[in-house]
Amino acid sequence: MNQKPVLSHPSQFALLIGLMGAFLILSALMIPFLGSFLMHMPSNQVLKQIGRPENADASRILNTLASLFSFLMPAVILANLISKKPFAQLGFNTSFNVRQLFLLIVITFASMVLSGALGELNEIIPIPAKWFAKAKEMEETNKASMMVMANMKTQFDYVLSLLVLAVAPAIFEEVLFRGGFQQVLIGWTNNKWTGIIITSVFFSAIHFSYFGFLPRVALGMVLGLIFYQSKNIWFNILLHFLNNAMIVTQLYIVSKQGKSINKTMDESMPVWWGAVALFVLVILFNTFKKESKLVLTEKELSIHSSPENILS
């Protein structure tokens, strides 16, 4: 028997937005003081100095803490308010099979090709010159900030960059957007595609990157469909991690070879590659859906056949 949620879906959405805003403000207030301790300088100098290469370690720590507070905490708090099993509510379960895992890895590569092609399409969409200049300025600022955290001279730096730029975003962002927003929006609209699309647009917009907007929307939709079909947030975290880890690894290899990192980051793929990748993804998702149904059915059967659930 279906029960009404403790909080209505519009209320859940409003609470999630409110918590996210509150923790963003808290993070903004927290960074100067923590940065002052880590960087041994007055708090009013932290934001000016955090972008310098010598402060890369402090930048990594502060960015990770800010993401934890702004992304992870709101979803965890909401899950605790609406469910007696908050982590199960967020999608943390261990039910999967090897075929799902294999398909997920192939989907990761196909989605990266699709994202690269959409990046090329994003570049050629005409916008007013003033908007283009502003978008370019924001892109360079974001890129400079990321390059500080991705400053990798040693293998230890590479591992740290993986933790900050691949592991942490994969966990924090997936818990918020798929475990939190997507489930609320699907419940509110009673339509899976509406919930997935709105979540994907929001997921992309929060990164404040015009030139990466379409690629991130596509990645968000892939992640959204993975979560909707599997009900397992670990798959999302793994796909998100692999996507980011490949970028970090590429930057590390290029930097060790002495090549231009900026040029590498600006590389894109032909648009027609995206059409091929989309076709492949449709086939992969049909297969992934079937595998996920098998896993979820087996899990349901195991629950109902467990001793404590059998009536004597």
C-alpha atoms as a PDB file:
ATOM      1  CA  MET A   1       0.000   0.000   0.000  1.00  0.00           C
ATOM      2  CA  ASN A   2       1.414   3.395  -1.021  1.00  0.00           C
ATOM      3  CA  GLN A   3       1.613   5.972   1.722  1.00  0.00           C
ATOM      4  CA  LYS A   4       1.736   9.710   1.301  1.00  0.00           C
ATOM      5  CA  PRO A   5       5.178  11.179   2.036  1.00  0.00           C
ATOM      6  CA  VAL A   6       5.676  12.913   5.367  1.00  0.00           C
ATOM      7  CA  LEU A   7       6.420  16.073   3.386  1.00  0.00           C
ATOM      8  CA  SER A   8       4.773  16.819   0.039  1.00  0.00           C
ATOM      9  CA  HIS A   9       7.120  16.806  -2.949  1.00  0.00           C
ATOM     10  CA  PRO A  10       6.892  20.609  -3.434  1.00  0.00           C
ATOM     11  CA  SER A  11       7.805  20.994   0.250  1.00  0.00           C
ATOM     12  CA  GLN A  12      10.721  18.590  -0.162  1.00  0.00           C
ATOM     13  CA  PHE A  13      11.959  20.567  -3.157  1.00  0.00           C
ATOM     14  CA  ALA A  14      11.665  23.890  -1.318  1.00  0.00           C
ATOM     15  CA  LEU A  15      13.452  22.455   1.723  1.00  0.00           C
ATOM     16  CA  LEU A  16      16.247  21.012  -0.425  1.00  0.00           C
ATOM     17  CA  ILE A  17      16.756  24.364  -2.181  1.00  0.00           C
ATOM     18  CA  GLY A  18      16.671  26.189   1.153  1.00  0.00           C
ATOM     19  CA  LEU A  19      19.182  23.838   2.772  1.00  0.00           C
ATOM     20  CA  MET A  20      21.465  24.088  -0.237  1.00  0.00           C
ATOM     21  CA  GLY A  21      21.342  27.903  -0.103  1.00  0.00           C
ATOM     22  CA  ALA A  22      21.978  27.944   3.640  1.00  0.00           C
ATOM     23  CA  PHE A  23      24.982  25.636   3.368  1.00  0.00           C
ATOM     24  CA  LEU A  24      26.362  27.611   0.414  1.00  0.00           C
ATOM     25  CA  ILE A  25      26.293  30.729   2.598  1.00  0.00           C
ATOM     26  CA  LEU A  26      27.847  28.792   5.479  1.00  0.00           C
ATOM     27  CA  SER A  27      30.607  27.544   3.174  1.00  0.00           C
ATOM     28  CA  ALA A  28      31.287  31.045   1.883  1.00  0.00           C
ATOM     29  CA  LEU A  29      31.669  32.278   5.462  1.00  0.00           C
ATOM     30  CA  MET A  30      33.738  29.285   6.492  1.00  0.00           C
ATOM     31  CA  ILE A  31      36.344  29.358   3.687  1.00  0.00           C
ATOM     32  CA  PRO A  32      38.139  32.605   4.694  1.00  0.00           C
ATOM     33  CA  PHE A  33      38.594  31.447   8.297  1.00  0.00           C
ATOM     34  CA  LEU A  34      39.717  27.918   7.447  1.00  0.00           C
ATOM     35  CA  GLY A  35      41.877  29.291   4.653  1.00  0.00           C
ATOM     36  CA  SER A  36      43.514  31.669   7.097  1.00  0.00           C
ATOM     37  CA  PHE A  37      44.487  28.703   9.283  1.00  0.00           C
ATOM     38  CA  LEU A  38      45.699  26.552   6.370  1.00  0.00           C
ATOM     39  CA  MET A  39      47.523  29.291   4.458  1.00  0.00           C
ATOM     40  CA  HIS A  40      48.855  31.259   7.457  1.00  0.00           C
ATOM     41  CA  MET A  41      47.513  34.632   6.352  1.00  0.00           C
ATOM     42  CA  PRO A  42      44.763  37.105   7.312  1.00  0.00           C
ATOM     43  CA  SER A  43      41.274  35.865   6.408  1.00  0.00           C
ATOM     44  CA  ASN A  44      40.640  38.891   4.181  1.00  0.00           C
ATOM     45  CA  GLN A  45      43.531  37.782   1.935  1.00  0.00           C
ATOM     46  CA  VAL A  46      42.441  34.174   1.480  1.00  0.00           C
ATOM     47  CA  LEU A  47      40.158  34.626  -1.546  1.00  0.00           C
ATOM     48  CA  LYS A  48      42.834  36.668  -3.327  1.00  0.00           C
ATOM     49  CA  GLN A  49      45.613  34.161  -2.676  1.00  0.00           C
ATOM     50  CA  ILE A  50      43.788  30.839  -2.970  1.00  0.00           C
ATOM     51  CA  GLY A  51      44.253  30.764  -6.733  1.00  0.00           C
ATOM     52  CA  ARG A  52      48.050  30.755  -6.530  1.00  0.00           C
ATOM     53  CA  PRO A  53      49.830  27.457  -7.373  1.00  0.00           C
ATOM     54  CA  GLU A  54      51.637  27.362  -4.008  1.00  0.00           C
ATOM     55  CA  ASN A  55      48.246  27.210  -2.276  1.00  0.00           C
ATOM     56  CA  ALA A  56      47.056  24.188  -4.271  1.00  0.00           C
ATOM     57  CA  ASP A  57      46.746  21.896  -1.219  1.00  0.00           C
ATOM     58  CA  ALA A  58      44.695  24.450   0.711  1.00  0.00           C
ATOM     59  CA  SER A  59      42.513  24.992  -2.349  1.00  0.00           C
ATOM     60  CA  ARG A  60      41.857  21.247  -2.608  1.00  0.00           C
ATOM     61  CA  ILE A  61      40.890  20.960   1.066  1.00  0.00           C
ATOM     62  CA  LEU A  62      38.641  24.031   1.043  1.00  0.00           C
ATOM     63  CA  ASN A  63      36.920  23.051  -2.188  1.00  0.00           C
ATOM     64  CA  THR A  64      36.200  19.557  -0.859  1.00  0.00           C
ATOM     65  CA  LEU A  65      34.783  20.889   2.411  1.00  0.00           C
ATOM     66  CA  ALA A  66      32.628  23.433   0.579  1.00  0.00           C
ATOM     67  CA  SER A  67      31.242  20.691  -1.694  1.00  0.00           C
ATOM     68  CA  LEU A  68      30.555  18.424   1.271  1.00  0.00           C
ATOM     69  CA  PHE A  69      28.538  21.094   3.067  1.00  0.00           C
ATOM     70  CA  SER A  70      26.764  22.526   0.006  1.00  0.00           C
ATOM     71  CA  PHE A  71      25.906  19.277  -1.804  1.00  0.00           C
ATOM     72  CA  LEU A  72      26.015  16.295   0.548  1.00  0.00           C
ATOM     73  CA  MET A  73      24.508  17.721   3.731  1.00  0.00           C
ATOM     74  CA  PRO A  74      21.206  19.047   2.254  1.00  0.00           C
ATOM     75  CA  ALA A  75      20.362  15.676   0.685  1.00  0.00           C
ATOM     76  CA  VAL A  76      21.308  13.724   3.820  1.00  0.00           C
ATOM     77  CA  ILE A  77      19.214  16.008   6.051  1.00  0.00           C
ATOM     78  CA  LEU A  78      16.180  15.719   3.755  1.00  0.00           C
ATOM     79  CA  ALA A  79      16.530  11.933   3.562  1.00  0.00           C
ATOM     80  CA  ASN A  80      16.586  11.734   7.363  1.00  0.00           C
ATOM     81  CA  LEU A  81      13.412  13.829   7.548  1.00  0.00           C
ATOM     82  CA  ILE A  82      11.378  11.804   5.065  1.00  0.00           C
ATOM     83  CA  SER A  83      12.622   8.244   5.614  1.00  0.00           C
ATOM     84  CA  LYS A  84      13.456   5.873   8.455  1.00  0.00           C
ATOM     85  CA  LYS A  85      16.196   4.482   6.201  1.00  0.00           C
ATOM     86  CA  PRO A  86      17.850   7.643   4.856  1.00  0.00           C
ATOM     87  CA  PHE A  87      20.754   5.964   3.067  1.00  0.00           C
ATOM     88  CA  ALA A  88      18.424   3.499   1.351  1.00  0.00           C
ATOM     89  CA  GLN A  89      16.279   6.511   0.403  1.00  0.00           C
ATOM     90  CA  LEU A  90      19.313   8.096  -1.263  1.00  0.00           C
ATOM     91  CA  GLY A  91      19.985   4.917  -3.245  1.00  0.00           C
ATOM     92  CA  PHE A  92      22.810   3.329  -1.279  1.00  0.00           C
ATOM     93  CA  ASN A  93      22.258  -0.360  -1.875  1.00  0.00           C
ATOM     94  CA  THR A  94      24.565  -3.233  -2.756  1.00  0.00           C
ATOM     95  CA  SER A  95      22.404  -5.125  -5.245  1.00  0.00           C
ATOM     96  CA  PHE A  96      24.058  -5.445  -8.664  1.00  0.00           C
ATOM     97  CA  ASN A  97      25.450  -7.968 -11.109  1.00  0.00           C
ATOM     98  CA  VAL A  98      28.620  -8.084 -13.195  1.00  0.00           C
ATOM     99  CA  ARG A  99      26.749  -7.464 -16.448  1.00  0.00           C
ATOM    100  CA  GLN A 100      25.400  -4.178 -15.071  1.00  0.00           C
ATOM    101  CA  LEU A 101      28.919  -3.152 -14.109  1.00  0.00           C
ATOM    102  CA  PHE A 102      30.295  -3.976 -17.549  1.00  0.00           C
ATOM    103  CA  LEU A 103      27.487  -2.064 -19.270  1.00  0.00           C
ATOM    104  CA  LEU A 104      28.089   0.912 -16.987  1.00  0.00           C
ATOM    105  CA  ILE A 105      31.751   1.119 -18.044  1.00  0.00           C
ATOM    106  CA  VAL A 106      30.802   1.017 -21.744  1.00  0.00           C
ATOM    107  CA  ILE A 107      28.090   3.636 -21.114  1.00  0.00           C
ATOM    108  CA  THR A 108      30.748   5.833 -19.477  1.00  0.00           C
ATOM    109  CA  PHE A 109      32.910   5.843 -22.608  1.00  0.00           C
ATOM    110  CA  ALA A 110      29.930   6.389 -24.928  1.00  0.00           C
ATOM    111  CA  SER A 111      28.667   9.277 -22.795  1.00  0.00           C
ATOM    112  CA  MET A 112      32.101  10.927 -22.893  1.00  0.00           C
ATOM    113  CA  VAL A 113      32.026  10.799 -26.710  1.00  0.00           C
ATOM    114  CA  LEU A 114      28.523  12.293 -26.684  1.00  0.00           C
ATOM    115  CA  SER A 115      29.631  15.039 -24.273  1.00  0.00           C
ATOM    116  CA  GLY A 116      32.648  15.867 -26.451  1.00  0.00           C
ATOM    117  CA  ALA A 117      30.459  16.215 -29.538  1.00  0.00           C
ATOM    118  CA  LEU A 118      27.952  18.382 -27.668  1.00  0.00           C
ATOM    119  CA  GLY A 119      30.854  20.559 -26.525  1.00  0.00           C
ATOM    120  CA  GLU A 120      31.597  21.233 -30.184  1.00  0.00           C
ATOM    121  CA  LEU A 121      27.902  22.002 -30.789  1.00  0.00           C
ATOM    122  CA  ASN A 122      27.846  24.295 -27.749  1.00  0.00           C
ATOM    123  CA  GLU A 123      30.713  26.295 -29.262  1.00  0.00           C
ATOM    124  CA  ILE A 124      28.898  27.032 -32.541  1.00  0.00           C
ATOM    125  CA  ILE A 125      25.544  28.085 -31.079  1.00  0.00           C
ATOM    126  CA  PRO A 126      25.306  31.832 -31.812  1.00  0.00           C
ATOM    127  CA  ILE A 127      24.843  34.180 -28.854  1.00  0.00           C
ATOM    128  CA  PRO A 128      25.225  37.988 -28.526  1.00  0.00           C
ATOM    129  CA  ALA A 129      28.850  39.188 -28.430  1.00  0.00           C
ATOM    130  CA  LYS A 130      28.518  40.601 -24.895  1.00  0.00           C
ATOM    131  CA  TRP A 131      27.130  37.307 -23.609  1.00  0.00           C
ATOM    132  CA  PHE A 132      29.893  35.405 -25.382  1.00  0.00           C
ATOM    133  CA  ALA A 133      32.594  37.610 -23.832  1.00  0.00           C
ATOM    134  CA  LYS A 134      31.084  37.206 -20.353  1.00  0.00           C
ATOM    135  CA  ALA A 135      30.765  33.445 -20.801  1.00  0.00           C
ATOM    136  CA  LYS A 136      34.374  33.253 -21.969  1.00  0.00           C
ATOM    137  CA  GLU A 137      35.516  35.240 -18.937  1.00  0.00           C
ATOM    138  CA  MET A 138      33.632  32.928 -16.551  1.00  0.00           C
ATOM    139  CA  GLU A 139      35.050  29.898 -18.366  1.00  0.00           C
ATOM    140  CA  GLU A 140      38.612  31.137 -17.962  1.00  0.00           C
ATOM    141  CA  THR A 141      38.020  31.883 -14.268  1.00  0.00           C
ATOM    142  CA  ASN A 142      36.598  28.413 -13.663  1.00  0.00           C
ATOM    143  CA  LYS A 143      39.404  26.825 -15.654  1.00  0.00           C
ATOM    144  CA  ALA A 144      42.058  28.721 -13.697  1.00  0.00           C
ATOM    145  CA  SER A 145      40.486  27.626 -10.407  1.00  0.00           C
ATOM    146  CA  MET A 146      40.395  24.000 -11.511  1.00  0.00           C
ATOM    147  CA  MET A 147      43.979  24.120 -12.787  1.00  0.00           C
ATOM    148  CA  VAL A 148      45.196  25.193  -9.335  1.00  0.00           C
ATOM    149  CA  MET A 149      43.619  22.081  -7.825  1.00  0.00           C
ATOM    150  CA  ALA A 150      44.878  19.983 -10.751  1.00  0.00           C
ATOM    151  CA  ASN A 151      48.451  21.211 -10.332  1.00  0.00           C
ATOM    152  CA  MET A 152      50.170  17.801 -10.404  1.00  0.00           C
ATOM    153  CA  LYS A 153      53.960  17.596 -10.165  1.00  0.00           C
ATOM    154  CA  THR A 154      54.159  14.237  -8.407  1.00  0.00           C
ATOM    155  CA  GLN A 155      52.175  11.016  -8.164  1.00  0.00           C
ATOM    156  CA  PHE A 156      50.996  12.142  -4.729  1.00  0.00           C
ATOM    157  CA  ASP A 157      49.573  15.316  -6.307  1.00  0.00           C
ATOM    158  CA  TYR A 158      47.835  13.115  -8.885  1.00  0.00           C
ATOM    159  CA  VAL A 159      46.191  11.015  -6.166  1.00  0.00           C
ATOM    160  CA  LEU A 160      45.100  14.160  -4.299  1.00  0.00           C
ATOM    161  CA  SER A 161      43.644  15.602  -7.490  1.00  0.00           C
ATOM    162  CA  LEU A 162      41.738  12.380  -8.082  1.00  0.00           C
ATOM    163  CA  LEU A 163      40.268  12.595  -4.579  1.00  0.00           C
ATOM    164  CA  VAL A 164      39.284  16.263  -4.917  1.00  0.00           C
ATOM    165  CA  LEU A 165      38.249  16.427  -8.585  1.00  0.00           C
ATOM    166  CA  ALA A 166      36.907  12.910  -9.117  1.00  0.00           C
ATOM    167  CA  VAL A 167      35.955  11.093  -5.902  1.00  0.00           C
ATOM    168  CA  ALA A 168      34.474  13.975  -3.881  1.00  0.00           C
ATOM    169  CA  PRO A 169      32.332  15.499  -6.683  1.00  0.00           C
ATOM    170  CA  ALA A 170      31.129  12.030  -7.699  1.00  0.00           C
ATOM    171  CA  ILE A 171      29.820  11.298  -4.194  1.00  0.00           C
ATOM    172  CA  PHE A 172      28.571  14.739  -3.183  1.00  0.00           C
ATOM    173  CA  GLU A 173      26.947  15.754  -6.482  1.00  0.00           C
ATOM    174  CA  GLU A 174      25.288  12.400  -7.151  1.00  0.00           C
ATOM    175  CA  VAL A 175      23.785  12.218  -3.675  1.00  0.00           C
ATOM    176  CA  LEU A 176      22.320  15.722  -4.064  1.00  0.00           C
ATOM    177  CA  PHE A 177      21.179  15.686  -7.682  1.00  0.00           C
ATOM    178  CA  ARG A 178      20.169  12.065  -8.275  1.00  0.00           C
ATOM    179  CA  GLY A 179      19.502  10.885  -4.717  1.00  0.00           C
ATOM    180  CA  GLY A 180      17.861  14.183  -3.790  1.00  0.00           C
ATOM    181  CA  PHE A 181      16.532  16.461  -6.525  1.00  0.00           C
ATOM    182  CA  GLN A 182      15.743  13.831  -9.156  1.00  0.00           C
ATOM    183  CA  GLN A 183      13.667  11.666  -6.830  1.00  0.00           C
ATOM    184  CA  VAL A 184      11.775  14.697  -5.522  1.00  0.00           C
ATOM    185  CA  LEU A 185      11.111  16.070  -9.013  1.00  0.00           C
ATOM    186  CA  ILE A 186       9.982  12.721 -10.425  1.00  0.00           C
ATOM    187  CA  GLY A 187       7.625  12.337  -7.480  1.00  0.00           C
ATOM    188  CA  TRP A 188       6.360  15.913  -7.894  1.00  0.00           C
ATOM    189  CA  THR A 189       5.809  15.788 -11.664  1.00  0.00           C
ATOM    190  CA  ASN A 190       4.908  12.087 -11.737  1.00  0.00           C
ATOM    191  CA  ASN A 191       7.011  11.801 -14.906  1.00  0.00           C
ATOM    192  CA  LYS A 192      10.482  10.282 -15.053  1.00  0.00           C
ATOM    193  CA  TRP A 193      11.685  12.284 -18.067  1.00  0.00           C
ATOM    194  CA  THR A 194      10.519  15.605 -16.653  1.00  0.00           C
ATOM    195  CA  GLY A 195      12.306  14.895 -13.384  1.00  0.00           C
ATOM    196  CA  ILE A 196      15.492  13.707 -15.095  1.00  0.00           C
ATOM    197  CA  ILE A 197      15.628  16.632 -17.556  1.00  0.00           C
ATOM    198  CA  ILE A 198      14.971  19.348 -14.952  1.00  0.00           C
ATOM    199  CA  THR A 199      17.573  17.800 -12.636  1.00  0.00           C
ATOM    200  CA  SER A 200      20.091  17.576 -15.490  1.00  0.00           C
ATOM    201  CA  VAL A 201      19.598  21.228 -16.452  1.00  0.00           C
ATOM    202  CA  PHE A 202      19.999  22.288 -12.817  1.00  0.00           C
ATOM    203  CA  PHE A 203      23.048  20.024 -12.458  1.00  0.00           C
ATOM    204  CA  SER A 204      24.673  21.688 -15.467  1.00  0.00           C
ATOM    205  CA  ALA A 205      23.652  25.241 -14.520  1.00  0.00           C
ATOM    206  CA  ILE A 206      25.173  24.958 -11.023  1.00  0.00           C
ATOM    207  CA  HIS A 207      28.610  24.551 -12.635  1.00  0.00           C
ATOM    208  CA  PHE A 208      28.332  28.058 -14.170  1.00  0.00           C
ATOM    209  CA  SER A 209      29.869  27.058 -17.498  1.00  0.00           C
ATOM    210  CA  TYR A 210      28.171  28.117 -20.725  1.00  0.00           C
ATOM    211  CA  PHE A 211      30.570  26.194 -22.974  1.00  0.00           C
ATOM    212  CA  GLY A 212      30.110  23.057 -20.903  1.00  0.00           C
ATOM    213  CA  PHE A 213      26.348  23.436 -20.522  1.00  0.00           C
ATOM    214  CA  LEU A 214      25.124  20.954 -23.145  1.00  0.00           C
ATOM    215  CA  PRO A 215      27.766  18.303 -22.328  1.00  0.00           C
ATOM    216  CA  ARG A 216      26.835  18.421 -18.641  1.00  0.00           C
ATOM    217  CA  VAL A 217      23.111  18.259 -19.415  1.00  0.00           C
ATOM    218  CA  ALA A 218      23.790  15.125 -21.466  1.00  0.00           C
ATOM    219  CA  LEU A 219      25.951  13.649 -18.694  1.00  0.00           C
ATOM    220  CA  GLY A 220      23.228  14.492 -16.183  1.00  0.00           C
ATOM    221  CA  MET A 221      20.609  12.682 -18.272  1.00  0.00           C
ATOM    222  CA  VAL A 222      22.833   9.613 -18.576  1.00  0.00           C
ATOM    223  CA  LEU A 223      23.381   9.634 -14.810  1.00  0.00           C
ATOM    224  CA  GLY A 224      19.691  10.249 -14.208  1.00  0.00           C
ATOM    225  CA  LEU A 225      18.631   7.297 -16.326  1.00  0.00           C
ATOM    226  CA  ILE A 226      21.250   5.063 -14.706  1.00  0.00           C
ATOM    227  CA  PHE A 227      19.825   5.894 -11.271  1.00  0.00           C
ATOM    228  CA  TYR A 228      16.189   5.599 -12.340  1.00  0.00           C
ATOM    229  CA  GLN A 229      16.736   2.151 -13.844  1.00  0.00           C
ATOM    230  CA  SER A 230      19.081   0.680 -11.227  1.00  0.00           C
ATOM    231  CA  LYS A 231      17.934   2.452  -8.034  1.00  0.00           C
ATOM    232  CA  ASN A 232      21.610   2.221  -7.038  1.00  0.00           C
ATOM    233  CA  ILE A 233      23.522   5.456  -6.382  1.00  0.00           C
ATOM    234  CA  TRP A 234      26.827   3.554  -6.402  1.00  0.00           C
ATOM    235  CA  PHE A 235      26.535   3.180 -10.177  1.00  0.00           C
ATOM    236  CA  ASN A 236      26.151   6.951 -10.498  1.00  0.00           C
ATOM    237  CA  ILE A 237      29.123   7.587  -8.260  1.00  0.00           C
ATOM    238  CA  LEU A 238      31.251   5.163 -10.273  1.00  0.00           C
ATOM    239  CA  LEU A 239      30.271   6.634 -13.657  1.00  0.00           C
ATOM    240  CA  HIS A 240      30.764  10.193 -12.411  1.00  0.00           C
ATOM    241  CA  PHE A 241      34.130   9.223 -10.907  1.00  0.00           C
ATOM    242  CA  LEU A 242      35.326   7.520 -14.103  1.00  0.00           C
ATOM    243  CA  ASN A 243      34.325  10.536 -16.184  1.00  0.00           C
ATOM    244  CA  ASN A 244      36.235  12.968 -13.961  1.00  0.00           C
ATOM    245  CA  ALA A 245      39.153  10.591 -13.335  1.00  0.00           C
ATOM    246  CA  MET A 246      39.800  10.247 -17.068  1.00  0.00           C
ATOM    247  CA  ILE A 247      40.052  14.022 -17.370  1.00  0.00           C
ATOM    248  CA  VAL A 248      42.386  14.307 -14.365  1.00  0.00           C
ATOM    249  CA  THR A 249      44.534  11.448 -15.672  1.00  0.00           C
ATOM    250  CA  GLN A 250      44.740  13.041 -19.112  1.00  0.00           C
ATOM    251  CA  LEU A 251      45.813  16.352 -17.561  1.00  0.00           C
ATOM    252  CA  TYR A 252      48.451  14.571 -15.473  1.00  0.00           C
ATOM    253  CA  ILE A 253      49.893  12.720 -18.465  1.00  0.00           C
ATOM    254  CA  VAL A 254      49.911  15.852 -20.623  1.00  0.00           C
ATOM    255  CA  SER A 255      51.596  17.917 -17.887  1.00  0.00           C
ATOM    256  CA  LYS A 256      54.292  15.238 -17.434  1.00  0.00           C
ATOM    257  CA  GLN A 257      54.916  15.327 -21.192  1.00  0.00           C
ATOM    258  CA  GLY A 258      55.296  19.109 -21.112  1.00  0.00           C
ATOM    259  CA  LYS A 259      52.358  19.701 -23.474  1.00  0.00           C
ATOM    260  CA  SER A 260      49.789  22.506 -23.259  1.00  0.00           C
ATOM    261  CA  ILE A 261      47.142  21.684 -20.668  1.00  0.00           C
ATOM    262  CA  ASN A 262      44.832  24.452 -21.884  1.00  0.00           C
ATOM    263  CA  LYS A 263      44.881  23.071 -25.406  1.00  0.00           C
ATOM    264  CA  THR A 264      44.054  19.610 -24.084  1.00  0.00           C
ATOM    265  CA  MET A 265      41.106  20.939 -22.054  1.00  0.00           C
ATOM    266  CA  ASP A 266      39.690  22.720 -25.097  1.00  0.00           C
ATOM    267  CA  GLU A 267      39.700  19.615 -27.298  1.00  0.00           C
ATOM    268  CA  SER A 268      36.301  18.473 -28.585  1.00  0.00           C
ATOM    269  CA  MET A 269      34.920  15.861 -30.968  1.00  0.00           C
ATOM    270  CA  PRO A 270      33.082  16.050 -34.315  1.00  0.00           C
ATOM    271  CA  VAL A 271      29.326  16.503 -33.918  1.00  0.00           C
ATOM    272  CA  TRP A 272      28.562  13.364 -35.958  1.00  0.00           C
ATOM    273  CA  TRP A 273      30.413  11.288 -33.341  1.00  0.00           C
ATOM    274  CA  GLY A 274      27.697  12.367 -30.926  1.00  0.00           C
ATOM    275  CA  ALA A 275      24.986  10.883 -33.162  1.00  0.00           C
ATOM    276  CA  VAL A 276      26.829   7.544 -33.215  1.00  0.00           C
ATOM    277  CA  ALA A 277      27.345   7.667 -29.433  1.00  0.00           C
ATOM    278  CA  LEU A 278      23.649   8.450 -28.886  1.00  0.00           C
ATOM    279  CA  PHE A 279      22.626   5.448 -30.992  1.00  0.00           C
ATOM    280  CA  VAL A 280      25.001   3.212 -29.015  1.00  0.00           C
ATOM    281  CA  LEU A 281      23.694   4.607 -25.705  1.00  0.00           C
ATOM    282  CA  VAL A 282      20.088   3.764 -26.627  1.00  0.00           C
ATOM    283  CA  ILE A 283      21.088   0.131 -27.185  1.00  0.00           C
ATOM    284  CA  LEU A 284      23.183   0.029 -24.011  1.00  0.00           C
ATOM    285  CA  PHE A 285      20.423   1.514 -21.874  1.00  0.00           C
ATOM    286  CA  ASN A 286      17.853  -0.974 -23.172  1.00  0.00           C
ATOM    287  CA  THR A 287      20.155  -3.784 -22.084  1.00  0.00           C
ATOM    288  CA  PHE A 288      21.014  -2.074 -18.780  1.00  0.00           C
ATOM    289  CA  LYS A 289      17.304  -1.666 -18.045  1.00  0.00           C
ATOM    290  CA  LYS A 290      16.699  -5.401 -18.505  1.00  0.00           C
ATOM    291  CA  GLU A 291      19.626  -6.302 -16.253  1.00  0.00           C
ATOM    292  CA  SER A 292      18.484  -3.840 -13.603  1.00  0.00           C
ATOM    293  CA  LYS A 293      14.975  -5.302 -13.623  1.00  0.00           C
ATOM    294  CA  LEU A 294      16.432  -8.752 -13.024  1.00  0.00           C
ATOM    295  CA  VAL A 295      18.528  -7.494 -10.093  1.00  0.00           C
ATOM    296  CA  LEU A 296      15.634  -5.566  -8.534  1.00  0.00           C
ATOM    297  CA  THR A 297      13.275  -8.527  -8.957  1.00  0.00           C
ATOM    298  CA  GLU A 298      15.768 -10.881  -7.294  1.00  0.00           C
ATOM    299  CA  LYS A 299      16.201  -8.401  -4.442  1.00  0.00           C
ATOM    300  CA  GLU A 300      12.413  -8.138  -3.979  1.00  0.00           C
ATOM    301  CA  LEU A 301      12.057 -11.924  -3.957  1.00  0.00           C
ATOM    302  CA  SER A 302      14.873 -12.320  -1.420  1.00  0.00           C
ATOM    303  CA  ILE A 303      13.193  -9.784   0.890  1.00  0.00           C
ATOM    304  CA  HIS A 304       9.805 -11.507   0.763  1.00  0.00           C
ATOM    305  CA  SER A 305      11.302 -14.978   1.165  1.00  0.00           C
ATOM    306  CA  SER A 306      13.443 -14.094   4.177  1.00  0.00           C
ATOM    307  CA  PRO A 307      12.440 -15.924   7.413  1.00  0.00           C
ATOM    308  CA  GLU A 308      11.266 -12.807   9.221  1.00  0.00           C
ATOM    309  CA  ASN A 309       8.832 -12.003   6.386  1.00  0.00           C
ATOM    310  CA  ILE A 310       7.264 -15.485   6.079  1.00  0.00           C
ATOM    311  CA  LEU A 311       3.966 -15.932   7.921  1.00  0.00           C
ATOM    312  CA  SER A 312       3.613 -19.241   9.714  1.00  0.00           C
END
